[in-house]
Amino acid sequence: RNHMDKTGVDFAMDVHGDEAIPVSFLAGFEGIPSWTDEQGER
C-alpha cells in the first residue's frame, strides 16, 4: 500500500481462488463511500 501511495493506481486486479463456486468471476467495489457511476461503469 505504501508503494501504491507513491505510484498512484488507475487500474487494479487482486487475483484469488474460490473454494465453492465452480466458475471464474469478478467482484467489484460496490458500496464504497465515494462510489460514482462513472467509476463503476469502467
PDB file of all heavy atoms in Angstrom:
ATOM      1  N   ARG A   1       0.819  -1.207   0.000  1.00  0.00           N
ATOM      2  CA  ARG A   1       0.000   0.000   0.000  1.00  0.00           C
ATOM      3  C   ARG A   1       0.853   1.256   0.000  1.00  0.00           C
ATOM      4  O   ARG A   1       0.513   2.249  -0.657  1.00  0.00           O
ATOM      5  CB  ARG A   1      -0.973  -0.009   1.182  1.00  0.00           C
ATOM      6  CG  ARG A   1      -2.218   0.849   0.938  1.00  0.00           C
ATOM      7  CD  ARG A   1      -3.085   0.956   2.168  1.00  0.00           C
ATOM      8  NE  ARG A   1      -2.479   1.834   3.170  1.00  0.00           N
ATOM      9  CZ  ARG A   1      -3.063   2.207   4.298  1.00  0.00           C
ATOM     10  NH1 ARG A   1      -4.278   1.772   4.588  1.00  0.00           N
ATOM     11  NH2 ARG A   1      -2.446   2.994   5.148  1.00  0.00           N
ATOM     12  N   ASN A   2       1.971   1.240   0.739  1.00  0.00           N
ATOM     13  CA  ASN A   2       2.868   2.398   0.757  1.00  0.00           C
ATOM     14  C   ASN A   2       3.424   2.681  -0.640  1.00  0.00           C
ATOM     15  O   ASN A   2       3.552   3.835  -1.051  1.00  0.00           O
ATOM     16  CB  ASN A   2       4.021   2.169   1.736  1.00  0.00           C
ATOM     17  CG  ASN A   2       3.608   2.355   3.183  1.00  0.00           C
ATOM     18  OD1 ASN A   2       2.532   2.892   3.475  1.00  0.00           O
ATOM     19  ND2 ASN A   2       4.444   1.896   4.098  1.00  0.00           N
ATOM     20  N   HIS A   3       3.756   1.616  -1.379  1.00  0.00           N
ATOM     21  CA  HIS A   3       4.273   1.813  -2.736  1.00  0.00           C
ATOM     22  C   HIS A   3       3.163   2.278  -3.673  1.00  0.00           C
ATOM     23  O   HIS A   3       3.409   3.103  -4.560  1.00  0.00           O
ATOM     24  CB  HIS A   3       4.918   0.532  -3.250  1.00  0.00           C
ATOM     25  CG  HIS A   3       5.854   0.751  -4.401  1.00  0.00           C
ATOM     26  ND1 HIS A   3       6.955   1.579  -4.339  1.00  0.00           N
ATOM     27  CD2 HIS A   3       5.854   0.268  -5.669  1.00  0.00           C
ATOM     28  CE1 HIS A   3       7.585   1.589  -5.497  1.00  0.00           C
ATOM     29  NE2 HIS A   3       6.917   0.812  -6.339  1.00  0.00           N
ATOM     30  N   MET A   4       1.950   1.788  -3.479  1.00  0.00           N
ATOM     31  CA  MET A   4       0.820   2.298  -4.250  1.00  0.00           C
ATOM     32  C   MET A   4       0.634   3.792  -4.035  1.00  0.00           C
ATOM     33  O   MET A   4       0.320   4.536  -4.967  1.00  0.00           O
ATOM     34  CB  MET A   4      -0.462   1.561  -3.872  1.00  0.00           C
ATOM     35  CG  MET A   4      -0.593   0.162  -4.415  1.00  0.00           C
ATOM     36  SD  MET A   4      -2.159  -0.595  -3.857  1.00  0.00           S
ATOM     37  CE  MET A   4      -2.211  -2.074  -4.884  1.00  0.00           C
ATOM     38  N   ASP A   5       0.813   4.240  -2.799  1.00  0.00           N
ATOM     39  CA  ASP A   5       0.679   5.664  -2.495  1.00  0.00           C
ATOM     40  C   ASP A   5       1.694   6.489  -3.293  1.00  0.00           C
ATOM     41  O   ASP A   5       1.426   7.632  -3.670  1.00  0.00           O
ATOM     42  CB  ASP A   5       0.865   5.923  -1.004  1.00  0.00           C
ATOM     43  CG  ASP A   5      -0.337   5.497  -0.166  1.00  0.00           C
ATOM     44  OD1 ASP A   5      -1.441   5.362  -0.733  1.00  0.00           O
ATOM     45  OD2 ASP A   5      -0.174   5.303   1.054  1.00  0.00           O
ATOM     46  N   LYS A   6       2.869   5.918  -3.560  1.00  0.00           N
ATOM     47  CA  LYS A   6       3.898   6.619  -4.325  1.00  0.00           C
ATOM     48  C   LYS A   6       3.572   6.667  -5.816  1.00  0.00           C
ATOM     49  O   LYS A   6       3.794   7.681  -6.474  1.00  0.00           O
ATOM     50  CB  LYS A   6       5.261   5.941  -4.121  1.00  0.00           C
ATOM     51  CG  LYS A   6       5.816   6.034  -2.709  1.00  0.00           C
ATOM     52  CD  LYS A   6       7.137   5.281  -2.619  1.00  0.00           C
ATOM     53  CE  LYS A   6       7.697   5.311  -1.193  1.00  0.00           C
ATOM     54  NZ  LYS A   6       8.961   4.515  -1.082  1.00  0.00           N
ATOM     55  N   THR A   7       3.044   5.558  -6.334  1.00  0.00           N
ATOM     56  CA  THR A   7       2.832   5.459  -7.784  1.00  0.00           C
ATOM     57  C   THR A   7       1.468   5.951  -8.234  1.00  0.00           C
ATOM     58  O   THR A   7       1.294   6.377  -9.368  1.00  0.00           O
ATOM     59  CB  THR A   7       2.996   4.003  -8.260  1.00  0.00           C
ATOM     60  OG1 THR A   7       1.923   3.187  -7.750  1.00  0.00           O
ATOM     61  CG2 THR A   7       4.341   3.432  -7.814  1.00  0.00           C
ATOM     62  N   GLY A   8       0.466   5.858  -7.342  1.00  0.00           N
ATOM     63  CA  GLY A   8      -0.907   6.024  -7.746  1.00  0.00           C
ATOM     64  C   GLY A   8      -1.437   4.748  -8.380  1.00  0.00           C
ATOM     65  O   GLY A   8      -0.671   3.866  -8.794  1.00  0.00           O
ATOM     66  N   VAL A   9      -2.743   4.622  -8.483  1.00  0.00           N
ATOM     67  CA  VAL A   9      -3.382   3.437  -9.057  1.00  0.00           C
ATOM     68  C   VAL A   9      -4.550   3.879  -9.925  1.00  0.00           C
ATOM     69  O   VAL A   9      -5.462   4.568  -9.450  1.00  0.00           O
ATOM     70  CB  VAL A   9      -3.900   2.466  -7.969  1.00  0.00           C
ATOM     71  CG1 VAL A   9      -4.430   1.187  -8.625  1.00  0.00           C
ATOM     72  CG2 VAL A   9      -2.822   2.135  -6.946  1.00  0.00           C
ATOM     73  N   ASP A  10      -4.546   3.495 -11.186  1.00  0.00           N
ATOM     74  CA  ASP A  10      -5.678   3.717 -12.083  1.00  0.00           C
ATOM     75  C   ASP A  10      -6.511   2.455 -12.266  1.00  0.00           C
ATOM     76  O   ASP A  10      -7.738   2.520 -12.374  1.00  0.00           O
ATOM     77  CB  ASP A  10      -5.182   4.211 -13.442  1.00  0.00           C
ATOM     78  CG  ASP A  10      -4.527   5.571 -13.366  1.00  0.00           C
ATOM     79  OD1 ASP A  10      -5.196   6.524 -12.952  1.00  0.00           O
ATOM     80  OD2 ASP A  10      -3.328   5.672 -13.698  1.00  0.00           O
ATOM     81  N   PHE A  11      -5.832   1.318 -12.350  1.00  0.00           N
ATOM     82  CA  PHE A  11      -6.493   0.029 -12.544  1.00  0.00           C
ATOM     83  C   PHE A  11      -5.804  -0.970 -11.627  1.00  0.00           C
ATOM     84  O   PHE A  11      -4.570  -1.008 -11.545  1.00  0.00           O
ATOM     85  CB  PHE A  11      -6.388  -0.411 -13.999  1.00  0.00           C
ATOM     86  CG  PHE A  11      -7.025  -1.738 -14.316  1.00  0.00           C
ATOM     87  CD1 PHE A  11      -8.319  -1.798 -14.823  1.00  0.00           C
ATOM     88  CD2 PHE A  11      -6.347  -2.935 -14.115  1.00  0.00           C
ATOM     89  CE1 PHE A  11      -8.911  -3.015 -15.127  1.00  0.00           C
ATOM     90  CE2 PHE A  11      -6.940  -4.147 -14.398  1.00  0.00           C
ATOM     91  CZ  PHE A  11      -8.225  -4.192 -14.902  1.00  0.00           C
ATOM     92  N   ALA A  12      -6.596  -1.808 -10.927  1.00  0.00           N
ATOM     93  CA  ALA A  12      -6.021  -2.799 -10.021  1.00  0.00           C
ATOM     94  C   ALA A  12      -6.801  -4.094 -10.101  1.00  0.00           C
ATOM     95  O   ALA A  12      -8.039  -4.086 -10.118  1.00  0.00           O
ATOM     96  CB  ALA A  12      -6.012  -2.279  -8.578  1.00  0.00           C
ATOM     97  N   MET A  13      -6.081  -5.207 -10.134  1.00  0.00           N
ATOM     98  CA  MET A  13      -6.696  -6.529 -10.068  1.00  0.00           C
ATOM     99  C   MET A  13      -5.990  -7.348  -8.988  1.00  0.00           C
ATOM    100  O   MET A  13      -4.782  -7.537  -9.021  1.00  0.00           O
ATOM    101  CB  MET A  13      -6.624  -7.251 -11.409  1.00  0.00           C
ATOM    102  CG  MET A  13      -7.275  -8.635 -11.388  1.00  0.00           C
ATOM    103  SD  MET A  13      -7.244  -9.468 -13.003  1.00  0.00           S
ATOM    104  CE  MET A  13      -8.512  -8.534 -13.884  1.00  0.00           C
ATOM    105  N   ASP A  14      -6.773  -7.828  -8.041  1.00  0.00           N
ATOM    106  CA  ASP A  14      -6.328  -8.687  -6.954  1.00  0.00           C
ATOM    107  C   ASP A  14      -6.767 -10.109  -7.300  1.00  0.00           C
ATOM    108  O   ASP A  14      -7.959 -10.383  -7.388  1.00  0.00           O
ATOM    109  CB  ASP A  14      -6.950  -8.204  -5.637  1.00  0.00           C
ATOM    110  CG  ASP A  14      -6.589  -9.046  -4.442  1.00  0.00           C
ATOM    111  OD1 ASP A  14      -5.610  -9.816  -4.507  1.00  0.00           O
ATOM    112  OD2 ASP A  14      -7.299  -8.946  -3.414  1.00  0.00           O
ATOM    113  N   VAL A  15      -5.819 -11.034  -7.500  1.00  0.00           N
ATOM    114  CA  VAL A  15      -6.122 -12.346  -8.069  1.00  0.00           C
ATOM    115  C   VAL A  15      -6.230 -13.396  -6.968  1.00  0.00           C
ATOM    116  O   VAL A  15      -5.335 -13.515  -6.122  1.00  0.00           O
ATOM    117  CB  VAL A  15      -5.060 -12.753  -9.107  1.00  0.00           C
ATOM    118  CG1 VAL A  15      -5.512 -14.006  -9.850  1.00  0.00           C
ATOM    119  CG2 VAL A  15      -4.809 -11.619 -10.101  1.00  0.00           C
ATOM    120  N   HIS A  16      -7.324 -14.176  -7.011  1.00  0.00           N
ATOM    121  CA  HIS A  16      -7.657 -15.138  -5.961  1.00  0.00           C
ATOM    122  C   HIS A  16      -8.182 -16.444  -6.546  1.00  0.00           C
ATOM    123  O   HIS A  16      -8.333 -16.592  -7.753  1.00  0.00           O
ATOM    124  CB  HIS A  16      -8.733 -14.561  -5.032  1.00  0.00           C
ATOM    125  CG  HIS A  16      -8.246 -13.498  -4.116  1.00  0.00           C
ATOM    126  ND1 HIS A  16      -7.991 -13.713  -2.775  1.00  0.00           N
ATOM    127  CD2 HIS A  16      -7.969 -12.190  -4.339  1.00  0.00           C
ATOM    128  CE1 HIS A  16      -7.585 -12.584  -2.215  1.00  0.00           C
ATOM    129  NE2 HIS A  16      -7.555 -11.651  -3.145  1.00  0.00           N
ATOM    130  N   GLY A  17      -8.517 -17.381  -5.653  1.00  0.00           N
ATOM    131  CA  GLY A  17      -9.246 -18.592  -5.979  1.00  0.00           C
ATOM    132  C   GLY A  17     -10.409 -18.748  -5.018  1.00  0.00           C
ATOM    133  O   GLY A  17     -10.315 -18.349  -3.848  1.00  0.00           O
ATOM    134  N   ASP A  18     -11.510 -19.330  -5.492  1.00  0.00           N
ATOM    135  CA  ASP A  18     -12.691 -19.532  -4.655  1.00  0.00           C
ATOM    136  C   ASP A  18     -12.967 -21.020  -4.494  1.00  0.00           C
ATOM    137  O   ASP A  18     -13.013 -21.763  -5.478  1.00  0.00           O
ATOM    138  CB  ASP A  18     -13.917 -18.840  -5.257  1.00  0.00           C
ATOM    139  CG  ASP A  18     -15.142 -18.965  -4.357  1.00  0.00           C
ATOM    140  OD1 ASP A  18     -15.323 -18.100  -3.492  1.00  0.00           O
ATOM    141  OD2 ASP A  18     -15.906 -19.947  -4.517  1.00  0.00           O
ATOM    142  N   GLU A  19     -13.204 -21.433  -3.248  1.00  0.00           N
ATOM    143  CA  GLU A  19     -13.324 -22.839  -2.914  1.00  0.00           C
ATOM    144  C   GLU A  19     -14.624 -23.473  -3.398  1.00  0.00           C
ATOM    145  O   GLU A  19     -14.644 -24.663  -3.741  1.00  0.00           O
ATOM    146  CB  GLU A  19     -13.214 -23.028  -1.401  1.00  0.00           C
ATOM    147  CG  GLU A  19     -11.832 -22.749  -0.823  1.00  0.00           C
ATOM    148  CD  GLU A  19     -11.502 -21.277  -0.652  1.00  0.00           C
ATOM    149  OE1 GLU A  19     -12.397 -20.435  -0.928  1.00  0.00           O
ATOM    150  OE2 GLU A  19     -10.364 -20.959  -0.261  1.00  0.00           O
ATOM    151  N   ALA A  20     -15.707 -22.719  -3.414  1.00  0.00           N
ATOM    152  CA  ALA A  20     -17.022 -23.319  -3.621  1.00  0.00           C
ATOM    153  C   ALA A  20     -17.622 -23.066  -4.998  1.00  0.00           C
ATOM    154  O   ALA A  20     -18.316 -23.925  -5.540  1.00  0.00           O
ATOM    155  CB  ALA A  20     -17.992 -22.835  -2.543  1.00  0.00           C
ATOM    156  N   ILE A  21     -17.421 -21.877  -5.579  1.00  0.00           N
ATOM    157  CA  ILE A  21     -18.097 -21.502  -6.814  1.00  0.00           C
ATOM    158  C   ILE A  21     -17.302 -22.031  -8.009  1.00  0.00           C
ATOM    159  O   ILE A  21     -16.142 -21.648  -8.214  1.00  0.00           O
ATOM    160  CB  ILE A  21     -18.277 -19.977  -6.907  1.00  0.00           C
ATOM    161  CG1 ILE A  21     -19.071 -19.462  -5.699  1.00  0.00           C
ATOM    162  CG2 ILE A  21     -18.979 -19.595  -8.200  1.00  0.00           C
ATOM    163  CD1 ILE A  21     -19.244 -17.950  -5.658  1.00  0.00           C
ATOM    164  N   PRO A  22     -17.883 -22.912  -8.832  1.00  0.00           N
ATOM    165  CA  PRO A  22     -17.120 -23.595  -9.887  1.00  0.00           C
ATOM    166  C   PRO A  22     -17.025 -22.811 -11.205  1.00  0.00           C
ATOM    167  O   PRO A  22     -17.194 -23.393 -12.284  1.00  0.00           O
ATOM    168  CB  PRO A  22     -17.915 -24.894 -10.061  1.00  0.00           C
ATOM    169  CG  PRO A  22     -19.324 -24.495  -9.780  1.00  0.00           C
ATOM    170  CD  PRO A  22     -19.252 -23.428  -8.713  1.00  0.00           C
ATOM    171  N   VAL A  23     -16.700 -21.543 -11.124  1.00  0.00           N
ATOM    172  CA  VAL A  23     -16.539 -20.699 -12.297  1.00  0.00           C
ATOM    173  C   VAL A  23     -15.544 -19.596 -11.958  1.00  0.00           C
ATOM    174  O   VAL A  23     -15.221 -19.367 -10.791  1.00  0.00           O
ATOM    175  CB  VAL A  23     -17.879 -20.053 -12.744  1.00  0.00           C
ATOM    176  CG1 VAL A  23     -18.842 -21.078 -13.306  1.00  0.00           C
ATOM    177  CG2 VAL A  23     -18.519 -19.275 -11.595  1.00  0.00           C
ATOM    178  N   SER A  24     -15.085 -18.888 -12.980  1.00  0.00           N
ATOM    179  CA  SER A  24     -14.309 -17.675 -12.778  1.00  0.00           C
ATOM    180  C   SER A  24     -15.244 -16.471 -12.826  1.00  0.00           C
ATOM    181  O   SER A  24     -16.171 -16.422 -13.628  1.00  0.00           O
ATOM    182  CB  SER A  24     -13.231 -17.538 -13.853  1.00  0.00           C
ATOM    183  OG  SER A  24     -12.280 -18.575 -13.750  1.00  0.00           O
ATOM    184  N   PHE A  25     -14.969 -15.476 -11.965  1.00  0.00           N
ATOM    185  CA  PHE A  25     -15.811 -14.294 -11.912  1.00  0.00           C
ATOM    186  C   PHE A  25     -15.048 -13.138 -11.287  1.00  0.00           C
ATOM    187  O   PHE A  25     -13.959 -13.318 -10.726  1.00  0.00           O
ATOM    188  CB  PHE A  25     -17.102 -14.573 -11.117  1.00  0.00           C
ATOM    189  CG  PHE A  25     -16.877 -14.972  -9.674  1.00  0.00           C
ATOM    190  CD1 PHE A  25     -16.933 -14.038  -8.659  1.00  0.00           C
ATOM    191  CD2 PHE A  25     -16.626 -16.291  -9.340  1.00  0.00           C
ATOM    192  CE1 PHE A  25     -16.740 -14.407  -7.329  1.00  0.00           C
ATOM    193  CE2 PHE A  25     -16.423 -16.680  -8.020  1.00  0.00           C
ATOM    194  CZ  PHE A  25     -16.477 -15.726  -7.017  1.00  0.00           C
ATOM    195  N   LEU A  26     -15.610 -11.947 -11.385  1.00  0.00           N
ATOM    196  CA  LEU A  26     -15.051 -10.747 -10.783  1.00  0.00           C
ATOM    197  C   LEU A  26     -15.928 -10.256  -9.650  1.00  0.00           C
ATOM    198  O   LEU A  26     -17.151 -10.407  -9.682  1.00  0.00           O
ATOM    199  CB  LEU A  26     -14.906  -9.622 -11.817  1.00  0.00           C
ATOM    200  CG  LEU A  26     -13.824  -9.765 -12.876  1.00  0.00           C
ATOM    201  CD1 LEU A  26     -13.954  -8.631 -13.899  1.00  0.00           C
ATOM    202  CD2 LEU A  26     -12.426  -9.763 -12.265  1.00  0.00           C
ATOM    203  N   ALA A  27     -15.308  -9.662  -8.651  1.00  0.00           N
ATOM    204  CA  ALA A  27     -16.010  -8.927  -7.605  1.00  0.00           C
ATOM    205  C   ALA A  27     -15.512  -7.491  -7.633  1.00  0.00           C
ATOM    206  O   ALA A  27     -14.298  -7.249  -7.717  1.00  0.00           O
ATOM    207  CB  ALA A  27     -15.766  -9.561  -6.239  1.00  0.00           C
ATOM    208  N   GLY A  28     -16.437  -6.543  -7.563  1.00  0.00           N
ATOM    209  CA  GLY A  28     -16.089  -5.147  -7.667  1.00  0.00           C
ATOM    210  C   GLY A  28     -16.078  -4.438  -6.329  1.00  0.00           C
ATOM    211  O   GLY A  28     -15.838  -5.036  -5.279  1.00  0.00           O
ATOM    212  N   PHE A  29     -16.385  -3.144  -6.349  1.00  0.00           N
ATOM    213  CA  PHE A  29     -16.242  -2.287  -5.187  1.00  0.00           C
ATOM    214  C   PHE A  29     -17.541  -1.544  -4.871  1.00  0.00           C
ATOM    215  O   PHE A  29     -17.518  -0.447  -4.299  1.00  0.00           O
ATOM    216  CB  PHE A  29     -15.097  -1.291  -5.397  1.00  0.00           C
ATOM    217  CG  PHE A  29     -15.156  -0.576  -6.725  1.00  0.00           C
ATOM    218  CD1 PHE A  29     -15.825   0.624  -6.876  1.00  0.00           C
ATOM    219  CD2 PHE A  29     -14.547  -1.128  -7.842  1.00  0.00           C
ATOM    220  CE1 PHE A  29     -15.894   1.268  -8.092  1.00  0.00           C
ATOM    221  CE2 PHE A  29     -14.607  -0.486  -9.073  1.00  0.00           C
ATOM    222  CZ  PHE A  29     -15.274   0.712  -9.189  1.00  0.00           C
ATOM    223  N   GLU A  30     -18.653  -2.129  -5.267  1.00  0.00           N
ATOM    224  CA  GLU A  30     -19.935  -1.526  -4.915  1.00  0.00           C
ATOM    225  C   GLU A  30     -20.014  -1.307  -3.403  1.00  0.00           C
ATOM    226  O   GLU A  30     -19.610  -2.155  -2.621  1.00  0.00           O
ATOM    227  CB  GLU A  30     -21.085  -2.424  -5.363  1.00  0.00           C
ATOM    228  CG  GLU A  30     -21.202  -2.619  -6.863  1.00  0.00           C
ATOM    229  CD  GLU A  30     -20.378  -3.772  -7.411  1.00  0.00           C
ATOM    230  OE1 GLU A  30     -19.593  -4.368  -6.632  1.00  0.00           O
ATOM    231  OE2 GLU A  30     -20.506  -4.080  -8.607  1.00  0.00           O
ATOM    232  N   GLY A  31     -20.532  -0.215  -3.011  1.00  0.00           N
ATOM    233  CA  GLY A  31     -20.687   0.065  -1.586  1.00  0.00           C
ATOM    234  C   GLY A  31     -19.617   0.939  -0.978  1.00  0.00           C
ATOM    235  O   GLY A  31     -19.706   1.298   0.204  1.00  0.00           O
ATOM    236  N   ILE A  32     -18.573   1.326  -1.752  1.00  0.00           N
ATOM    237  CA  ILE A  32     -17.579   2.228  -1.170  1.00  0.00           C
ATOM    238  C   ILE A  32     -18.204   3.609  -0.977  1.00  0.00           C
ATOM    239  O   ILE A  32     -19.082   4.020  -1.735  1.00  0.00           O
ATOM    240  CB  ILE A  32     -16.299   2.327  -2.035  1.00  0.00           C
ATOM    241  CG1 ILE A  32     -16.603   2.935  -3.422  1.00  0.00           C
ATOM    242  CG2 ILE A  32     -15.645   0.949  -2.173  1.00  0.00           C
ATOM    243  CD1 ILE A  32     -15.330   3.266  -4.216  1.00  0.00           C
ATOM    244  N   PRO A  33     -17.774   4.355   0.042  1.00  0.00           N
ATOM    245  CA  PRO A  33     -18.397   5.660   0.324  1.00  0.00           C
ATOM    246  C   PRO A  33     -18.328   6.642  -0.844  1.00  0.00           C
ATOM    247  O   PRO A  33     -19.242   7.453  -1.038  1.00  0.00           O
ATOM    248  CB  PRO A  33     -17.605   6.172   1.527  1.00  0.00           C
ATOM    249  CG  PRO A  33     -17.091   4.935   2.198  1.00  0.00           C
ATOM    250  CD  PRO A  33     -16.824   3.965   1.101  1.00  0.00           C
ATOM    251  N   SER A  34     -17.253   6.599  -1.637  1.00  0.00           N
ATOM    252  CA  SER A  34     -17.071   7.577  -2.709  1.00  0.00           C
ATOM    253  C   SER A  34     -17.556   7.074  -4.063  1.00  0.00           C
ATOM    254  O   SER A  34     -17.224   7.661  -5.100  1.00  0.00           O
ATOM    255  CB  SER A  34     -15.592   7.963  -2.819  1.00  0.00           C
ATOM    256  OG  SER A  34     -14.812   6.836  -3.208  1.00  0.00           O
ATOM    257  N   TRP A  35     -18.347   6.005  -4.078  1.00  0.00           N
ATOM    258  CA  TRP A  35     -18.810   5.418  -5.331  1.00  0.00           C
ATOM    259  C   TRP A  35     -19.416   6.464  -6.262  1.00  0.00           C
ATOM    260  O   TRP A  35     -20.193   7.318  -5.832  1.00  0.00           O
ATOM    261  CB  TRP A  35     -19.860   4.341  -5.044  1.00  0.00           C
ATOM    262  CG  TRP A  35     -20.629   3.866  -6.244  1.00  0.00           C
ATOM    263  CD1 TRP A  35     -21.753   4.426  -6.787  1.00  0.00           C
ATOM    264  CD2 TRP A  35     -20.315   2.741  -7.067  1.00  0.00           C
ATOM    265  NE1 TRP A  35     -22.151   3.719  -7.892  1.00  0.00           N
ATOM    266  CE2 TRP A  35     -21.298   2.678  -8.097  1.00  0.00           C
ATOM    267  CE3 TRP A  35     -19.317   1.765  -7.053  1.00  0.00           C
ATOM    268  CZ2 TRP A  35     -21.299   1.684  -9.070  1.00  0.00           C
ATOM    269  CZ3 TRP A  35     -19.325   0.766  -8.031  1.00  0.00           C
ATOM    270  CH2 TRP A  35     -20.310   0.740  -9.005  1.00  0.00           C
ATOM    271  N   THR A  36     -19.030   6.416  -7.532  1.00  0.00           N
ATOM    272  CA  THR A  36     -19.692   7.195  -8.568  1.00  0.00           C
ATOM    273  C   THR A  36     -20.064   6.253  -9.700  1.00  0.00           C
ATOM    274  O   THR A  36     -19.417   5.221  -9.911  1.00  0.00           O
ATOM    275  CB  THR A  36     -18.794   8.312  -9.123  1.00  0.00           C
ATOM    276  OG1 THR A  36     -17.674   7.728  -9.817  1.00  0.00           O
ATOM    277  CG2 THR A  36     -18.294   9.237  -8.021  1.00  0.00           C
ATOM    278  N   ASP A  37     -21.096   6.616 -10.440  1.00  0.00           N
ATOM    279  CA  ASP A  37     -21.498   5.800 -11.575  1.00  0.00           C
ATOM    280  C   ASP A  37     -20.386   5.732 -12.625  1.00  0.00           C
ATOM    281  O   ASP A  37     -20.232   4.717 -13.307  1.00  0.00           O
ATOM    282  CB  ASP A  37     -22.782   6.342 -12.192  1.00  0.00           C
ATOM    283  CG  ASP A  37     -23.992   6.139 -11.294  1.00  0.00           C
ATOM    284  OD1 ASP A  37     -23.921   5.282 -10.383  1.00  0.00           O
ATOM    285  OD2 ASP A  37     -24.999   6.841 -11.506  1.00  0.00           O
ATOM    286  N   GLU A  38     -19.642   6.826 -12.776  1.00  0.00           N
ATOM    287  CA  GLU A  38     -18.550   6.842 -13.750  1.00  0.00           C
ATOM    288  C   GLU A  38     -17.479   5.814 -13.398  1.00  0.00           C
ATOM    289  O   GLU A  38     -17.004   5.067 -14.262  1.00  0.00           O
ATOM    290  CB  GLU A  38     -17.931   8.238 -13.834  1.00  0.00           C
ATOM    291  CG  GLU A  38     -18.826   9.283 -14.469  1.00  0.00           C
ATOM    292  CD  GLU A  38     -19.830   9.860 -13.500  1.00  0.00           C
ATOM    293  OE1 GLU A  38     -19.798   9.506 -12.296  1.00  0.00           O
ATOM    294  OE2 GLU A  38     -20.678  10.671 -13.931  1.00  0.00           O
ATOM    295  N   GLN A  39     -17.102   5.782 -12.127  1.00  0.00           N
ATOM    296  CA  GLN A  39     -16.101   4.820 -11.685  1.00  0.00           C
ATOM    297  C   GLN A  39     -16.624   3.389 -11.828  1.00  0.00           C
ATOM    298  O   GLN A  39     -15.909   2.508 -12.320  1.00  0.00           O
ATOM    299  CB  GLN A  39     -15.715   5.092 -10.225  1.00  0.00           C
ATOM    300  CG  GLN A  39     -14.565   4.227  -9.716  1.00  0.00           C
ATOM    301  CD  GLN A  39     -14.281   4.488  -8.254  1.00  0.00           C
ATOM    302  OE1 GLN A  39     -15.046   5.187  -7.579  1.00  0.00           O
ATOM    303  NE2 GLN A  39     -13.201   3.959  -7.709  1.00  0.00           N
ATOM    304  N   GLY A  40     -17.852   3.159 -11.422  1.00  0.00           N
ATOM    305  CA  GLY A  40     -18.436   1.839 -11.542  1.00  0.00           C
ATOM    306  C   GLY A  40     -18.584   1.388 -12.977  1.00  0.00           C
ATOM    307  O   GLY A  40     -18.398   0.201 -13.290  1.00  0.00           O
ATOM    308  N   GLU A  41     -18.904   2.329 -13.875  1.00  0.00           N
ATOM    309  CA  GLU A  41     -19.097   1.973 -15.266  1.00  0.00           C
ATOM    310  C   GLU A  41     -17.827   1.429 -15.889  1.00  0.00           C
ATOM    311  O   GLU A  41     -17.881   0.513 -16.730  1.00  0.00           O
ATOM    312  CB  GLU A  41     -19.595   3.181 -16.052  1.00  0.00           C
ATOM    313  CG  GLU A  41     -20.235   2.838 -17.400  1.00  0.00           C
ATOM    314  CD  GLU A  41     -19.226   2.698 -18.506  1.00  0.00           C
ATOM    315  OE1 GLU A  41     -18.108   3.235 -18.358  1.00  0.00           O
ATOM    316  OE2 GLU A  41     -19.526   2.052 -19.523  1.00  0.00           O
ATOM    317  N   ARG A  42     -16.662   1.957 -15.497  1.00  0.00           N
ATOM    318  CA  ARG A  42     -15.396   1.445 -16.020  1.00  0.00           C
ATOM    319  C   ARG A  42     -15.205  -0.018 -15.618  1.00  0.00           C
ATOM    320  O   ARG A  42     -14.737  -0.840 -16.419  1.00  0.00           O
ATOM    321  CB  ARG A  42     -14.234   2.306 -15.536  1.00  0.00           C
ATOM    322  CG  ARG A  42     -14.251   3.724 -16.067  1.00  0.00           C
ATOM    323  CD  ARG A  42     -12.926   4.429 -15.846  1.00  0.00           C
ATOM    324  NE  ARG A  42     -12.600   4.618 -14.450  1.00  0.00           N
ATOM    325  CZ  ARG A  42     -12.957   5.666 -13.722  1.00  0.00           C
ATOM    326  NH1 ARG A  42     -13.688   6.633 -14.268  1.00  0.00           N
ATOM    327  NH2 ARG A  42     -12.591   5.771 -12.462  1.00  0.00           N
TER     328      ARG A  42
END
